[in-house]
N, C-alpha and C. Protein backbone atom coordinates (compact mmCIF):
# COMPACT_ATOMS: atom_id res chain seq x y z
N UNK A 1 91.48 60.37 103.37
CA UNK A 1 92.53 61.19 103.11
C UNK A 1 92.26 62.43 103.61
N UNK A 2 94.03 63.50 104.14
CA UNK A 2 93.64 65.06 104.86
C UNK A 2 93.54 65.46 103.29
N UNK A 3 92.46 66.81 103.64
CA UNK A 3 92.30 67.78 102.99
C UNK A 3 92.77 68.73 103.17
N UNK A 4 93.76 69.93 102.68
CA UNK A 4 94.66 71.11 103.11
C UNK A 4 93.46 72.24 102.76
N UNK A 5 92.48 71.76 102.20
CA UNK A 5 92.01 73.52 102.23
C UNK A 5 91.90 74.72 103.11
N UNK A 6 91.57 75.48 103.06
CA UNK A 6 92.02 76.68 104.14
C UNK A 6 90.90 77.42 103.52
N UNK A 7 91.12 78.91 104.50
CA UNK A 7 89.92 79.30 104.40
C UNK A 7 90.73 81.20 103.36
N UNK A 8 90.23 81.71 103.34
CA UNK A 8 90.81 83.35 102.82
C UNK A 8 91.69 84.04 103.29
N UNK A 9 91.09 84.37 104.85
CA UNK A 9 92.07 84.56 106.08
C UNK A 9 93.65 84.10 106.08
N UNK A 10 93.59 82.64 106.01
CA UNK A 10 94.23 82.12 105.97
C UNK A 10 95.91 81.89 104.30
N UNK A 11 94.56 81.83 103.91
CA UNK A 11 95.65 81.64 102.67
C UNK A 11 96.14 83.01 102.71
N UNK A 12 95.60 83.94 102.85
CA UNK A 12 96.73 85.44 102.45
C UNK A 12 97.86 85.35 103.88
N UNK A 13 97.16 85.04 105.08
CA UNK A 13 98.31 84.61 105.87
C UNK A 13 99.57 83.55 105.20
N UNK A 14 99.14 82.50 104.92
CA UNK A 14 100.59 81.47 104.21
C UNK A 14 101.19 82.04 103.59
N UNK A 15 100.43 83.31 102.25
CA UNK A 15 101.31 83.68 101.28
C UNK A 15 101.98 84.49 102.01
N UNK A 16 101.90 85.61 103.21
CA UNK A 16 102.85 85.53 103.57
C UNK A 16 103.79 85.42 104.65
N UNK A 17 103.47 84.27 104.75
CA UNK A 17 105.26 83.78 105.79
C UNK A 17 105.80 82.73 104.40
N UNK A 18 104.91 81.84 103.18
CA UNK A 18 105.53 81.59 102.26
C UNK A 18 107.46 82.56 101.73
N UNK A 19 106.51 83.93 101.81
CA UNK A 19 106.80 84.77 101.29
C UNK A 19 108.39 85.05 102.38
N UNK A 20 108.08 84.88 103.91
CA UNK A 20 109.05 85.45 104.85
C UNK A 20 109.64 84.34 105.78
N UNK A 21 109.91 82.86 104.35
CA UNK A 21 110.14 81.71 105.24
C UNK A 21 111.19 81.77 106.49
N UNK A 22 110.78 81.23 107.79
CA UNK A 22 111.82 81.51 108.51
C UNK A 22 111.42 82.74 109.48
N UNK A 23 110.49 83.12 109.03
CA UNK A 23 110.38 84.58 110.66
C UNK A 23 109.45 83.36 111.34
N UNK A 24 110.05 84.84 112.56
CA UNK A 24 109.74 84.57 114.25
C UNK A 24 108.28 84.78 114.07
N UNK A 25 107.99 83.78 115.22
CA UNK A 25 106.53 84.23 115.81
C UNK A 25 105.86 85.38 116.44
N UNK A 26 107.15 85.97 116.60
CA UNK A 26 106.97 86.95 117.21
C UNK A 26 106.54 88.66 116.26
N UNK A 27 107.71 88.36 115.14
CA UNK A 27 107.68 89.12 113.61
C UNK A 27 105.93 88.25 113.26
N UNK A 28 105.29 87.43 112.86
CA UNK A 28 104.43 87.30 112.91
C UNK A 28 103.17 87.99 113.25
N UNK A 29 103.66 88.24 114.74
CA UNK A 29 102.29 88.99 115.11
C UNK A 29 102.34 90.18 114.76
N UNK A 30 103.28 91.10 114.72
CA UNK A 30 103.48 92.42 114.41
C UNK A 30 103.60 92.64 112.92
N UNK A 31 103.71 91.92 111.85
CA UNK A 31 103.20 91.35 110.00
C UNK A 31 101.87 91.64 110.05
N UNK A 32 100.62 90.82 110.87
CA UNK A 32 99.41 90.37 111.07
C UNK A 32 98.86 91.97 111.35
N UNK A 33 99.27 92.11 112.45
CA UNK A 33 98.88 93.30 113.06
C UNK A 33 99.15 94.94 111.68
N UNK A 34 99.74 94.30 111.14
CA UNK A 34 99.73 95.82 110.54
C UNK A 34 99.22 95.55 109.04
N UNK A 35 99.00 93.83 108.69
CA UNK A 35 99.24 93.55 107.28
C UNK A 35 96.95 93.60 107.56
N UNK A 36 96.08 93.11 108.69
CA UNK A 36 94.95 92.80 108.79
C UNK A 36 94.54 93.43 109.74
N UNK A 37 95.69 94.36 110.99
CA UNK A 37 94.45 94.13 112.10
C UNK A 37 94.40 93.99 113.19
N UNK A 38 94.98 92.19 113.11
CA UNK A 38 94.67 91.30 113.48
C UNK A 38 95.92 91.61 114.89
N UNK A 39 94.65 90.76 116.38
CA UNK A 39 95.40 91.01 117.25
C UNK A 39 96.07 89.63 117.33
N UNK A 40 97.25 89.90 118.84
CA UNK A 40 98.02 88.56 118.65
C UNK A 40 97.13 87.42 119.02
N UNK A 41 96.46 86.79 120.07
CA UNK A 41 95.69 86.04 119.75
C UNK A 41 94.56 85.47 118.96
N UNK A 42 94.35 86.11 117.69
CA UNK A 42 93.79 85.91 116.56
C UNK A 42 94.69 84.89 115.55
N UNK A 43 96.01 85.82 115.21
CA UNK A 43 97.19 84.85 114.66
C UNK A 43 97.75 84.17 115.21
N UNK A 44 97.74 84.38 116.54
CA UNK A 44 98.62 82.56 117.04
C UNK A 44 97.50 81.80 115.88
N UNK A 45 95.82 82.40 117.02
CA UNK A 45 94.86 80.72 116.01
C UNK A 45 95.14 80.33 114.61
N UNK A 46 94.86 81.78 113.78
CA UNK A 46 95.39 81.18 112.63
C UNK A 46 96.89 80.29 112.38
N UNK A 47 97.84 80.75 113.12
CA UNK A 47 98.70 79.87 113.12
C UNK A 47 98.69 78.47 113.32
N UNK A 48 97.72 78.65 114.28
CA UNK A 48 97.67 76.87 114.71
C UNK A 48 96.98 76.63 113.64
N UNK A 49 95.85 76.73 113.31
CA UNK A 49 95.28 76.39 112.25
C UNK A 49 96.45 76.20 111.08
N UNK A 50 97.34 76.77 110.73
CA UNK A 50 98.01 76.60 109.13
C UNK A 50 98.95 75.20 109.07
N UNK A 51 99.03 75.15 111.05
CA UNK A 51 100.01 73.94 111.34
C UNK A 51 99.54 72.45 111.47
N UNK A 52 97.96 72.97 112.16
CA UNK A 52 97.31 71.50 111.87
C UNK A 52 97.11 71.22 110.57
N UNK A 53 96.80 72.09 109.69
CA UNK A 53 97.00 71.61 108.28
C UNK A 53 98.51 70.68 107.33
N UNK A 54 99.02 70.95 108.17
CA UNK A 54 100.80 70.99 107.65
C UNK A 54 101.34 71.56 107.04
N UNK A 55 100.56 72.97 106.51
CA UNK A 55 101.58 73.79 105.88
C UNK A 55 102.37 74.16 106.32
N UNK A 56 102.42 74.57 106.93
CA UNK A 56 103.54 75.18 108.64
C UNK A 56 104.14 74.72 109.53
N UNK A 57 105.01 74.33 110.23
CA UNK A 57 105.27 74.93 111.90
C UNK A 57 106.11 74.92 112.14
N UNK A 58 106.29 75.63 113.65
CA UNK A 58 106.61 76.84 114.92
C UNK A 58 107.25 76.08 115.98
N UNK A 59 108.71 75.91 115.13
CA UNK A 59 109.59 75.38 115.57
C UNK A 59 110.46 75.88 117.09
N UNK A 60 110.38 76.33 118.17
CA UNK A 60 111.15 77.05 119.35
C UNK A 60 110.92 78.65 118.41
N UNK A 61 109.83 79.21 117.89
CA UNK A 61 109.33 80.84 117.81
C UNK A 61 109.99 81.02 116.01
N UNK A 62 110.32 80.02 115.22
CA UNK A 62 110.47 79.82 113.62
C UNK A 62 109.56 79.34 113.51
N UNK A 63 108.73 80.36 112.48
CA UNK A 63 107.66 80.00 111.91
C UNK A 63 108.42 79.43 110.21
N UNK A 64 108.29 78.07 109.74
CA UNK A 64 108.72 77.48 108.48
C UNK A 64 107.87 76.67 107.62
N UNK A 65 108.04 76.74 106.94
CA UNK A 65 107.15 75.75 105.39
C UNK A 65 107.09 73.96 105.59
N UNK A 66 105.86 73.21 105.51
CA UNK A 66 106.13 72.33 105.59
C UNK A 66 106.19 71.52 104.16
N UNK A 67 105.22 72.55 103.26
CA UNK A 67 104.84 72.56 102.09
C UNK A 67 105.00 73.95 101.56
N UNK A 68 105.49 73.54 99.87
CA UNK A 68 105.32 75.21 99.59
C UNK A 68 104.32 75.22 98.83
N UNK A 69 104.20 76.57 98.32
CA UNK A 69 102.53 76.76 97.68
C UNK A 69 102.59 76.23 97.16
N UNK A 70 103.24 75.74 95.93
CA UNK A 70 103.12 74.82 94.78
C UNK A 70 102.67 73.86 94.70
N UNK A 71 103.09 72.96 96.17
CA UNK A 71 102.93 72.01 96.64
C UNK A 71 101.06 72.07 96.80
N UNK A 72 101.05 72.80 97.76
CA UNK A 72 99.98 73.12 98.19
C UNK A 72 98.70 73.56 97.58
N UNK A 73 99.34 73.87 96.57
CA UNK A 73 98.49 74.82 94.90
C UNK A 73 98.21 73.10 94.78
N UNK A 74 99.27 72.29 94.52
CA UNK A 74 99.24 70.84 93.28
C UNK A 74 98.07 69.34 94.49
N UNK A 75 98.13 70.24 95.92
CA UNK A 75 97.26 69.25 96.48
C UNK A 75 95.62 69.60 96.00
N UNK A 76 95.62 70.94 96.64
CA UNK A 76 94.25 71.43 95.46
C UNK A 76 93.61 70.56 94.76
N UNK A 77 94.49 71.13 94.00
CA UNK A 77 94.25 70.65 92.50
C UNK A 77 93.56 69.18 92.45
N UNK A 78 94.49 68.31 93.09
CA UNK A 78 94.54 66.81 92.83
C UNK A 78 93.39 66.26 94.19
N UNK A 79 93.32 67.05 94.73
CA UNK A 79 91.77 66.99 95.72
C UNK A 79 90.13 66.61 95.12
N UNK A 80 90.22 68.44 94.57
CA UNK A 80 89.62 69.13 93.61
C UNK A 80 89.02 67.50 92.17
N UNK A 81 89.71 67.11 91.91
CA UNK A 81 90.24 66.55 90.82
C UNK A 81 89.17 64.93 91.47
N UNK A 82 89.53 64.46 92.38
CA UNK A 82 89.06 63.62 93.11
C UNK A 82 87.99 63.57 93.34
N UNK A 83 87.95 64.59 94.11
CA UNK A 83 85.84 64.72 94.32
C UNK A 83 85.08 65.24 93.84
N UNK A 84 85.85 65.88 92.93
CA UNK A 84 84.35 66.42 92.08
C UNK A 84 84.18 66.62 90.14
N UNK A 85 85.52 65.43 89.79
CA UNK A 85 85.85 65.12 88.55
C UNK A 85 86.34 63.40 88.09
N UNK A 86 85.92 62.47 88.88
CA UNK A 86 85.93 61.61 89.69
C UNK A 86 88.28 61.23 88.75
N UNK A 87 88.78 62.38 89.46
CA UNK A 87 90.09 61.76 89.42
C UNK A 87 90.45 62.28 88.09
N UNK A 88 89.83 62.51 87.11
CA UNK A 88 89.90 62.72 85.94
C UNK A 88 90.07 64.11 85.22
N UNK A 89 91.33 64.62 85.14
CA UNK A 89 92.07 66.04 84.70
C UNK A 89 91.71 65.74 83.03
N UNK A 90 91.05 64.93 82.45
CA UNK A 90 90.73 65.00 81.35
C UNK A 90 89.33 65.61 81.04
N UNK A 91 88.50 64.99 81.97
CA UNK A 91 86.75 65.18 82.08
C UNK A 91 86.75 66.91 82.62
N UNK A 92 87.90 67.36 83.31
CA UNK A 92 87.90 68.38 84.21
C UNK A 92 87.86 69.55 82.67
N UNK A 93 89.12 69.08 81.93
CA UNK A 93 90.23 70.31 81.49
C UNK A 93 88.35 70.62 80.06
N UNK A 94 88.01 69.22 79.67
CA UNK A 94 87.08 68.98 78.59
C UNK A 94 85.32 70.14 78.87
N UNK A 95 85.13 69.75 80.55
CA UNK A 95 83.56 70.66 80.85
C UNK A 95 84.50 72.53 80.79
N UNK A 96 85.77 72.42 81.22
CA UNK A 96 86.48 73.49 81.65
C UNK A 96 85.93 74.83 80.44
N UNK A 97 86.90 74.04 79.38
CA UNK A 97 86.94 74.18 78.05
C UNK A 97 85.94 74.77 77.27
N UNK A 98 84.90 74.00 77.49
CA UNK A 98 83.30 73.76 76.58
C UNK A 98 82.44 74.96 77.24
N UNK A 99 82.91 75.58 78.19
CA UNK A 99 82.41 76.33 78.96
C UNK A 99 83.38 77.66 78.59
N UNK A 100 83.93 77.99 79.14
CA UNK A 100 84.92 79.12 79.25
C UNK A 100 86.15 79.00 78.10
N UNK A 101 86.42 78.70 77.09
CA UNK A 101 87.10 78.64 75.83
C UNK A 101 88.49 78.36 76.68
N UNK A 102 89.14 78.44 75.66
CA UNK A 102 91.13 78.87 75.99
C UNK A 102 91.69 80.03 75.28
N UNK A 103 91.93 80.79 75.96
CA UNK A 103 92.99 82.02 75.55
C UNK A 103 94.50 81.39 73.83
N UNK A 104 94.53 81.97 73.29
CA UNK A 104 95.77 81.45 72.11
C UNK A 104 96.92 80.73 73.17
N UNK A 105 97.31 82.19 74.32
CA UNK A 105 98.62 81.84 74.58
C UNK A 105 98.01 80.35 75.63
N UNK A 106 97.12 79.89 76.57
CA UNK A 106 97.01 78.69 76.97
C UNK A 106 96.91 77.83 75.81
N UNK A 107 96.25 77.72 74.92
CA UNK A 107 96.23 77.00 73.63
C UNK A 107 97.90 76.05 73.45
N UNK A 108 98.76 77.65 73.39
CA UNK A 108 100.06 77.46 72.78
C UNK A 108 100.86 76.65 73.56
N UNK A 109 99.99 77.69 75.52
CA UNK A 109 101.67 76.45 76.65
C UNK A 109 100.59 75.13 76.71
N UNK A 110 99.97 74.78 76.68
CA UNK A 110 98.82 73.60 76.11
C UNK A 110 99.66 72.55 75.22
N UNK A 111 100.04 73.00 73.74
CA UNK A 111 100.43 72.05 73.00
C UNK A 111 102.08 71.91 73.60
N UNK A 112 102.24 73.03 74.38
CA UNK A 112 104.07 72.87 74.83
C UNK A 112 104.49 71.95 75.91
N UNK A 113 103.21 71.90 76.42
CA UNK A 113 103.33 70.88 77.90
C UNK A 113 103.12 68.73 77.27
N UNK A 114 102.12 69.62 76.36
CA UNK A 114 101.66 67.89 75.95
C UNK A 114 103.18 67.44 74.75
N UNK A 115 103.81 68.40 74.08
CA UNK A 115 105.13 67.84 73.75
C UNK A 115 105.88 67.78 74.15
N UNK A 116 105.89 67.68 75.55
CA UNK A 116 107.03 66.92 76.55
C UNK A 116 107.31 66.08 76.82
């Protein structure tokens, strides 16, 4: 199974790219220099990694997403559950609630989700 975990700076770059769907790769270089102080080579290395992870593609110097941010996060949650909690959302939730509790807002949201 392919894992999609990315590092902190890759995630920051991914968020910029998701916000600017269809941005030119030259504009990505400029943006990353402004946002992170990166050199052109660093930007292209990070972009290549995001493409290798299957999150983005760079076709004819236009960067587009292959996977939305929500799809990426859903995949990460699924991988976490599979790897650490035997694939059981209930096991994860039970441990989390036991050790962290739930706010009233979270309880109400869970009730709404369950009722649907």
